[in-house]
Amino acid sequence: MNPTSADWCRRGALLAINLLFLMVWGFTGISKFMQGKPSWFEDKFGQTILAKVPGLTVTFWLLAGAEMLAFLLALGAIGRGEFLERQERPPWILKSMLVWSLFVFVMLGFGQWLTNEFNGTAQLFAYFAGTLVCLHYVTARATPNGR
């Protein structure tokens, strides 16, 4: 089987998508675990419902855990070579990471809405939409008559 130029373009795009999310979630998730809950977190969210349910410390660590899970999924997709899109290894981890990323962006956006940071909310909406485009691209199949 001789890969076509379209195969290599698709593989490159899948790799770029995977690497992008690996960086996004790696930097955010790892830094949260290394640095812990920042001092400003209580000031920003102390007057919201999150202070009561589930509590600010739990909220922070749930978010950190969600970002780390997305990072680990991205790492797993790279490790499996899912960007190569081989018949025996469809990119199911990459798809799972993208779907999970949608939920992480919803969580982040919820926090922005609670604190009336509407510019940040708009940015997260763009991240959500971009992730949805990536998910659509990853799940799209090549047609039998071309790519």
N, C-alpha and C. Protein backbone atom coordinates (compact mmCIF):
# COMPACT_ATOMS: atom_id res chain seq x y z
N MET A 1 0.85 -1.17 0.00
CA MET A 1 0.00 0.00 0.00
C MET A 1 0.89 1.23 0.00
N ASN A 2 0.71 2.06 -0.98
CA ASN A 2 1.53 3.26 -1.14
C ASN A 2 0.71 4.48 -0.74
N PRO A 3 1.10 5.16 0.35
CA PRO A 3 0.32 6.33 0.78
C PRO A 3 0.40 7.46 -0.25
N THR A 4 -0.74 8.09 -0.46
CA THR A 4 -0.81 9.21 -1.40
C THR A 4 -0.45 10.51 -0.68
N SER A 5 -0.34 11.55 -1.43
CA SER A 5 -0.08 12.87 -0.87
C SER A 5 -1.21 13.28 0.08
N ALA A 6 -2.44 12.92 -0.27
CA ALA A 6 -3.58 13.23 0.60
C ALA A 6 -3.48 12.49 1.93
N ASP A 7 -2.97 11.24 1.88
CA ASP A 7 -2.76 10.49 3.12
C ASP A 7 -1.79 11.23 4.04
N TRP A 8 -0.68 11.70 3.46
CA TRP A 8 0.33 12.38 4.27
C TRP A 8 -0.20 13.71 4.79
N CYS A 9 -1.01 14.40 4.00
CA CYS A 9 -1.60 15.66 4.46
C CYS A 9 -2.54 15.41 5.63
N ARG A 10 -3.36 14.39 5.51
CA ARG A 10 -4.29 14.06 6.60
C ARG A 10 -3.53 13.64 7.85
N ARG A 11 -2.52 12.81 7.68
CA ARG A 11 -1.72 12.37 8.83
C ARG A 11 -1.04 13.56 9.50
N GLY A 12 -0.52 14.47 8.69
CA GLY A 12 0.10 15.67 9.25
C GLY A 12 -0.90 16.51 10.02
N ALA A 13 -2.10 16.65 9.49
CA ALA A 13 -3.14 17.43 10.17
C ALA A 13 -3.54 16.76 11.48
N LEU A 14 -3.69 15.43 11.45
CA LEU A 14 -4.03 14.70 12.68
C LEU A 14 -2.93 14.85 13.72
N LEU A 15 -1.67 14.78 13.29
CA LEU A 15 -0.55 14.96 14.21
C LEU A 15 -0.56 16.37 14.79
N ALA A 16 -0.80 17.38 13.96
CA ALA A 16 -0.83 18.76 14.43
C ALA A 16 -1.95 18.97 15.46
N ILE A 17 -3.13 18.41 15.18
CA ILE A 17 -4.24 18.50 16.13
C ILE A 17 -3.85 17.86 17.45
N ASN A 18 -3.27 16.68 17.37
CA ASN A 18 -2.87 15.96 18.57
C ASN A 18 -1.82 16.74 19.37
N LEU A 19 -0.82 17.27 18.68
CA LEU A 19 0.23 18.03 19.36
C LEU A 19 -0.30 19.32 19.99
N LEU A 20 -1.22 19.99 19.30
CA LEU A 20 -1.81 21.22 19.83
C LEU A 20 -2.48 20.95 21.18
N PHE A 21 -3.32 19.93 21.23
CA PHE A 21 -4.04 19.65 22.46
C PHE A 21 -3.12 19.05 23.52
N LEU A 22 -2.10 18.35 23.11
CA LEU A 22 -1.09 17.86 24.05
C LEU A 22 -0.44 19.04 24.77
N MET A 23 -0.12 20.09 24.01
CA MET A 23 0.48 21.29 24.62
C MET A 23 -0.52 22.03 25.49
N VAL A 24 -1.72 22.26 24.98
CA VAL A 24 -2.72 23.01 25.74
C VAL A 24 -2.96 22.37 27.09
N TRP A 25 -3.29 21.09 27.09
CA TRP A 25 -3.63 20.43 28.35
C TRP A 25 -2.39 20.08 29.16
N GLY A 26 -1.27 19.85 28.50
CA GLY A 26 -0.04 19.57 29.25
C GLY A 26 0.39 20.78 30.06
N PHE A 27 0.46 21.94 29.42
CA PHE A 27 0.88 23.14 30.14
C PHE A 27 -0.09 23.51 31.26
N THR A 28 -1.39 23.46 30.97
CA THR A 28 -2.36 23.88 32.00
C THR A 28 -2.49 22.84 33.11
N GLY A 29 -2.62 21.59 32.74
CA GLY A 29 -2.80 20.55 33.75
C GLY A 29 -1.59 20.33 34.62
N ILE A 30 -0.43 20.21 34.00
CA ILE A 30 0.79 19.97 34.76
C ILE A 30 1.10 21.15 35.67
N SER A 31 0.93 22.38 35.17
CA SER A 31 1.22 23.54 36.02
C SER A 31 0.28 23.60 37.22
N LYS A 32 -0.98 23.22 37.04
CA LYS A 32 -1.90 23.21 38.18
C LYS A 32 -1.45 22.20 39.23
N PHE A 33 -1.02 21.04 38.80
CA PHE A 33 -0.57 20.03 39.75
C PHE A 33 0.75 20.42 40.42
N MET A 34 1.61 21.08 39.70
CA MET A 34 2.90 21.46 40.27
C MET A 34 2.78 22.67 41.21
N GLN A 35 1.92 23.63 40.86
CA GLN A 35 1.83 24.86 41.64
C GLN A 35 0.71 24.85 42.67
N GLY A 36 -0.28 23.99 42.49
CA GLY A 36 -1.40 23.95 43.42
C GLY A 36 -2.37 25.09 43.18
N LYS A 37 -3.33 25.18 44.07
CA LYS A 37 -4.38 26.20 43.93
C LYS A 37 -3.76 27.58 44.13
N PRO A 38 -3.94 28.50 43.16
CA PRO A 38 -3.35 29.84 43.29
C PRO A 38 -4.08 30.68 44.33
N SER A 39 -3.40 31.67 44.85
CA SER A 39 -3.96 32.53 45.91
C SER A 39 -5.18 33.31 45.42
N TRP A 40 -5.23 33.68 44.14
CA TRP A 40 -6.34 34.47 43.61
C TRP A 40 -7.61 33.65 43.43
N PHE A 41 -7.52 32.34 43.49
CA PHE A 41 -8.67 31.48 43.21
C PHE A 41 -9.82 31.75 44.18
N GLU A 42 -9.50 31.92 45.46
CA GLU A 42 -10.55 32.20 46.46
C GLU A 42 -11.19 33.56 46.22
N ASP A 43 -10.37 34.56 45.89
CA ASP A 43 -10.92 35.90 45.63
C ASP A 43 -11.85 35.88 44.42
N LYS A 44 -11.47 35.15 43.39
CA LYS A 44 -12.25 35.13 42.15
C LYS A 44 -13.56 34.34 42.31
N PHE A 45 -13.51 33.20 42.97
CA PHE A 45 -14.67 32.31 43.02
C PHE A 45 -15.32 32.21 44.40
N GLY A 46 -14.78 32.93 45.38
CA GLY A 46 -15.30 32.83 46.75
C GLY A 46 -16.75 33.25 46.91
N GLN A 47 -17.24 34.13 46.05
CA GLN A 47 -18.63 34.61 46.15
C GLN A 47 -19.56 33.88 45.19
N THR A 48 -19.12 32.78 44.62
CA THR A 48 -19.95 32.02 43.67
C THR A 48 -20.47 30.75 44.33
N ILE A 49 -21.33 30.08 43.64
CA ILE A 49 -21.90 28.81 44.11
C ILE A 49 -20.81 27.75 44.30
N LEU A 50 -19.71 27.89 43.55
CA LEU A 50 -18.62 26.92 43.65
C LEU A 50 -17.98 26.92 45.03
N ALA A 51 -18.09 28.02 45.76
CA ALA A 51 -17.53 28.09 47.11
C ALA A 51 -18.29 27.16 48.06
N LYS A 52 -19.57 26.95 47.76
CA LYS A 52 -20.39 26.08 48.61
C LYS A 52 -20.46 24.65 48.08
N VAL A 53 -20.69 24.54 46.77
CA VAL A 53 -20.83 23.22 46.14
C VAL A 53 -19.93 23.18 44.93
N PRO A 54 -18.94 22.40 44.86
CA PRO A 54 -18.47 21.39 45.82
C PRO A 54 -17.43 21.94 46.79
N GLY A 55 -17.15 23.24 46.74
CA GLY A 55 -16.09 23.85 47.54
C GLY A 55 -14.95 24.24 46.61
N LEU A 56 -14.22 25.29 46.97
CA LEU A 56 -13.21 25.82 46.06
C LEU A 56 -12.02 24.89 45.87
N THR A 57 -11.61 24.23 46.92
CA THR A 57 -10.47 23.31 46.78
C THR A 57 -10.85 22.15 45.88
N VAL A 58 -12.02 21.58 46.09
CA VAL A 58 -12.47 20.46 45.25
C VAL A 58 -12.66 20.93 43.82
N THR A 59 -13.25 22.12 43.64
CA THR A 59 -13.45 22.67 42.30
C THR A 59 -12.13 22.78 41.55
N PHE A 60 -11.12 23.35 42.23
CA PHE A 60 -9.81 23.51 41.59
C PHE A 60 -9.24 22.16 41.18
N TRP A 61 -9.27 21.19 42.08
CA TRP A 61 -8.65 19.90 41.77
C TRP A 61 -9.45 19.10 40.76
N LEU A 62 -10.77 19.29 40.72
CA LEU A 62 -11.56 18.65 39.66
C LEU A 62 -11.17 19.21 38.30
N LEU A 63 -10.99 20.52 38.23
CA LEU A 63 -10.58 21.14 36.97
C LEU A 63 -9.17 20.68 36.58
N ALA A 64 -8.26 20.67 37.54
CA ALA A 64 -6.90 20.21 37.28
C ALA A 64 -6.91 18.75 36.80
N GLY A 65 -7.72 17.92 37.44
CA GLY A 65 -7.82 16.52 37.04
C GLY A 65 -8.41 16.36 35.64
N ALA A 66 -9.39 17.19 35.32
CA ALA A 66 -10.01 17.14 33.99
C ALA A 66 -8.99 17.51 32.91
N GLU A 67 -8.18 18.54 33.19
CA GLU A 67 -7.15 18.94 32.23
C GLU A 67 -6.06 17.87 32.11
N MET A 68 -5.70 17.25 33.22
CA MET A 68 -4.68 16.19 33.17
C MET A 68 -5.21 14.97 32.42
N LEU A 69 -6.48 14.65 32.58
CA LEU A 69 -7.05 13.53 31.83
C LEU A 69 -6.99 13.82 30.34
N ALA A 70 -7.32 15.04 29.94
CA ALA A 70 -7.23 15.41 28.53
C ALA A 70 -5.79 15.29 28.04
N PHE A 71 -4.83 15.73 28.86
CA PHE A 71 -3.41 15.61 28.51
C PHE A 71 -3.02 14.14 28.35
N LEU A 72 -3.43 13.30 29.29
CA LEU A 72 -3.07 11.88 29.22
C LEU A 72 -3.70 11.20 28.00
N LEU A 73 -4.92 11.59 27.66
CA LEU A 73 -5.55 11.06 26.45
C LEU A 73 -4.77 11.49 25.20
N ALA A 74 -4.36 12.76 25.15
CA ALA A 74 -3.57 13.24 24.02
C ALA A 74 -2.24 12.49 23.94
N LEU A 75 -1.63 12.26 25.09
CA LEU A 75 -0.37 11.51 25.14
C LEU A 75 -0.58 10.07 24.67
N GLY A 76 -1.68 9.47 25.09
CA GLY A 76 -2.00 8.11 24.66
C GLY A 76 -2.22 8.01 23.16
N ALA A 77 -2.89 9.02 22.58
CA ALA A 77 -3.12 9.03 21.13
C ALA A 77 -1.81 9.14 20.37
N ILE A 78 -0.89 9.97 20.88
CA ILE A 78 0.43 10.08 20.26
C ILE A 78 1.17 8.75 20.39
N GLY A 79 1.13 8.19 21.58
CA GLY A 79 1.82 6.92 21.83
C GLY A 79 1.33 5.79 20.94
N ARG A 80 0.06 5.77 20.65
CA ARG A 80 -0.51 4.74 19.77
C ARG A 80 -0.27 5.05 18.30
N GLY A 81 0.22 6.21 18.00
CA GLY A 81 0.42 6.60 16.61
C GLY A 81 -0.88 6.76 15.86
N GLU A 82 -1.90 7.26 16.55
CA GLU A 82 -3.22 7.37 15.93
C GLU A 82 -3.24 8.34 14.75
N PHE A 83 -2.31 9.28 14.72
CA PHE A 83 -2.25 10.22 13.61
C PHE A 83 -1.91 9.52 12.30
N LEU A 84 -1.34 8.31 12.38
CA LEU A 84 -1.03 7.54 11.17
C LEU A 84 -2.27 6.93 10.55
N GLU A 85 -3.35 6.87 11.33
CA GLU A 85 -4.65 6.40 10.87
C GLU A 85 -4.56 5.06 10.14
N ARG A 86 -3.93 4.12 10.80
CA ARG A 86 -3.84 2.77 10.24
C ARG A 86 -5.16 2.05 10.45
N GLN A 87 -5.46 1.13 9.57
CA GLN A 87 -6.72 0.40 9.61
C GLN A 87 -6.93 -0.28 10.96
N GLU A 88 -5.87 -0.88 11.49
CA GLU A 88 -6.00 -1.64 12.74
C GLU A 88 -6.01 -0.75 13.98
N ARG A 89 -5.73 0.54 13.80
CA ARG A 89 -5.69 1.47 14.93
C ARG A 89 -6.41 2.77 14.60
N PRO A 90 -7.72 2.77 14.59
CA PRO A 90 -8.44 4.02 14.35
C PRO A 90 -8.19 4.99 15.51
N PRO A 91 -8.32 6.29 15.27
CA PRO A 91 -7.98 7.29 16.30
C PRO A 91 -9.05 7.46 17.38
N TRP A 92 -9.38 6.40 18.10
CA TRP A 92 -10.43 6.50 19.11
C TRP A 92 -9.98 7.26 20.35
N ILE A 93 -8.72 7.20 20.71
CA ILE A 93 -8.25 7.96 21.88
C ILE A 93 -8.24 9.46 21.54
N LEU A 94 -7.80 9.79 20.34
CA LEU A 94 -7.79 11.19 19.90
C LEU A 94 -9.21 11.74 19.89
N LYS A 95 -10.16 10.97 19.40
CA LYS A 95 -11.56 11.40 19.41
C LYS A 95 -12.05 11.59 20.85
N SER A 96 -11.70 10.65 21.71
CA SER A 96 -12.12 10.75 23.11
C SER A 96 -11.54 11.99 23.77
N MET A 97 -10.28 12.30 23.48
CA MET A 97 -9.64 13.48 24.04
C MET A 97 -10.34 14.75 23.56
N LEU A 98 -10.71 14.79 22.30
CA LEU A 98 -11.39 15.98 21.77
C LEU A 98 -12.78 16.15 22.40
N VAL A 99 -13.51 15.06 22.56
CA VAL A 99 -14.82 15.15 23.21
C VAL A 99 -14.64 15.59 24.66
N TRP A 100 -13.66 15.01 25.36
CA TRP A 100 -13.41 15.40 26.74
C TRP A 100 -13.01 16.88 26.80
N SER A 101 -12.23 17.34 25.84
CA SER A 101 -11.82 18.74 25.79
C SER A 101 -13.02 19.67 25.69
N LEU A 102 -14.04 19.26 24.95
CA LEU A 102 -15.26 20.06 24.87
C LEU A 102 -15.84 20.28 26.27
N PHE A 103 -15.88 19.22 27.07
CA PHE A 103 -16.42 19.34 28.42
C PHE A 103 -15.53 20.19 29.32
N VAL A 104 -14.22 20.09 29.14
CA VAL A 104 -13.31 20.94 29.93
C VAL A 104 -13.54 22.41 29.57
N PHE A 105 -13.71 22.71 28.30
CA PHE A 105 -14.00 24.09 27.91
C PHE A 105 -15.34 24.56 28.47
N VAL A 106 -16.31 23.67 28.58
CA VAL A 106 -17.59 24.02 29.21
C VAL A 106 -17.35 24.36 30.69
N MET A 107 -16.55 23.55 31.37
CA MET A 107 -16.25 23.83 32.78
C MET A 107 -15.56 25.18 32.94
N LEU A 108 -14.56 25.44 32.11
CA LEU A 108 -13.85 26.71 32.18
C LEU A 108 -14.78 27.88 31.87
N GLY A 109 -15.63 27.70 30.87
CA GLY A 109 -16.59 28.74 30.50
C GLY A 109 -17.59 29.02 31.61
N PHE A 110 -18.01 27.97 32.31
CA PHE A 110 -18.94 28.14 33.43
C PHE A 110 -18.31 29.03 34.50
N GLY A 111 -17.06 28.81 34.79
CA GLY A 111 -16.36 29.66 35.76
C GLY A 111 -16.28 31.10 35.30
N GLN A 112 -16.06 31.30 34.01
CA GLN A 112 -16.00 32.65 33.47
C GLN A 112 -17.36 33.34 33.57
N TRP A 113 -18.42 32.61 33.26
CA TRP A 113 -19.77 33.19 33.35
C TRP A 113 -20.09 33.56 34.80
N LEU A 114 -19.73 32.69 35.73
CA LEU A 114 -20.02 32.95 37.14
C LEU A 114 -19.37 34.24 37.64
N THR A 115 -18.23 34.56 37.08
CA THR A 115 -17.48 35.73 37.54
C THR A 115 -17.62 36.92 36.59
N ASN A 116 -18.57 36.83 35.68
CA ASN A 116 -18.87 37.92 34.74
C ASN A 116 -17.68 38.31 33.87
N GLU A 117 -16.85 37.36 33.53
CA GLU A 117 -15.72 37.62 32.63
C GLU A 117 -16.13 37.21 31.22
N PHE A 118 -16.89 38.07 30.59
CA PHE A 118 -17.51 37.73 29.32
C PHE A 118 -16.52 37.68 28.16
N ASN A 119 -15.43 38.45 28.24
CA ASN A 119 -14.40 38.34 27.19
C ASN A 119 -13.74 36.97 27.25
N GLY A 120 -13.45 36.51 28.45
CA GLY A 120 -12.87 35.17 28.61
C GLY A 120 -13.84 34.10 28.16
N THR A 121 -15.12 34.33 28.43
CA THR A 121 -16.14 33.37 27.99
C THR A 121 -16.19 33.29 26.47
N ALA A 122 -16.09 34.44 25.82
CA ALA A 122 -16.09 34.46 24.35
C ALA A 122 -14.88 33.72 23.79
N GLN A 123 -13.73 33.88 24.42
CA GLN A 123 -12.53 33.16 23.98
C GLN A 123 -12.73 31.65 24.15
N LEU A 124 -13.31 31.25 25.26
CA LEU A 124 -13.54 29.81 25.48
C LEU A 124 -14.55 29.26 24.49
N PHE A 125 -15.52 30.09 24.10
CA PHE A 125 -16.46 29.67 23.06
C PHE A 125 -15.70 29.39 21.76
N ALA A 126 -14.74 30.24 21.45
CA ALA A 126 -13.93 30.03 20.23
C ALA A 126 -13.10 28.75 20.36
N TYR A 127 -12.54 28.48 21.54
CA TYR A 127 -11.79 27.24 21.74
C TYR A 127 -12.70 26.03 21.58
N PHE A 128 -13.91 26.15 22.14
CA PHE A 128 -14.89 25.07 22.02
C PHE A 128 -15.21 24.82 20.55
N ALA A 129 -15.49 25.90 19.81
CA ALA A 129 -15.83 25.77 18.39
C ALA A 129 -14.66 25.18 17.60
N GLY A 130 -13.44 25.63 17.88
CA GLY A 130 -12.26 25.08 17.21
C GLY A 130 -12.09 23.60 17.51
N THR A 131 -12.36 23.22 18.75
CA THR A 131 -12.27 21.81 19.12
C THR A 131 -13.32 21.00 18.38
N LEU A 132 -14.51 21.57 18.23
CA LEU A 132 -15.57 20.89 17.48
C LEU A 132 -15.17 20.69 16.02
N VAL A 133 -14.51 21.68 15.44
CA VAL A 133 -14.02 21.55 14.06
C VAL A 133 -12.97 20.44 13.99
N CYS A 134 -12.06 20.42 14.95
CA CYS A 134 -11.04 19.36 14.99
C CYS A 134 -11.70 17.98 15.12
N LEU A 135 -12.68 17.88 15.98
CA LEU A 135 -13.38 16.61 16.16
C LEU A 135 -14.05 16.18 14.86
N HIS A 136 -14.66 17.11 14.19
CA HIS A 136 -15.30 16.80 12.91
C HIS A 136 -14.26 16.30 11.90
N TYR A 137 -13.13 16.96 11.85
CA TYR A 137 -12.07 16.56 10.92
C TYR A 137 -11.55 15.16 11.26
N VAL A 138 -11.33 14.90 12.52
CA VAL A 138 -10.79 13.59 12.94
C VAL A 138 -11.79 12.49 12.65
N THR A 139 -13.07 12.74 12.83
CA THR A 139 -14.06 11.70 12.62
C THR A 139 -14.45 11.53 11.16
N ALA A 140 -14.12 12.51 10.32
CA ALA A 140 -14.44 12.40 8.88
C ALA A 140 -13.65 11.26 8.26
N ARG A 141 -14.30 10.53 7.43
CA ARG A 141 -13.65 9.41 6.73
C ARG A 141 -13.37 9.81 5.29
N ALA A 142 -12.35 9.25 4.75
CA ALA A 142 -12.04 9.49 3.33
C ALA A 142 -13.10 8.78 2.49
N THR A 143 -13.42 9.36 1.37
CA THR A 143 -14.39 8.75 0.47
C THR A 143 -13.68 7.68 -0.35
N PRO A 144 -14.39 6.67 -0.85
CA PRO A 144 -13.74 5.61 -1.63
C PRO A 144 -13.10 6.10 -2.94
N ASN A 145 -13.60 7.19 -3.51
CA ASN A 145 -13.09 7.68 -4.79
C ASN A 145 -12.04 8.78 -4.64
N GLY A 146 -11.59 9.00 -3.47
CA GLY A 146 -10.58 10.05 -3.28
C GLY A 146 -10.56 10.49 -1.84
N ARG A 147 -9.70 11.45 -1.57
CA ARG A 147 -9.55 11.91 -0.18
C ARG A 147 -9.82 13.39 -0.08
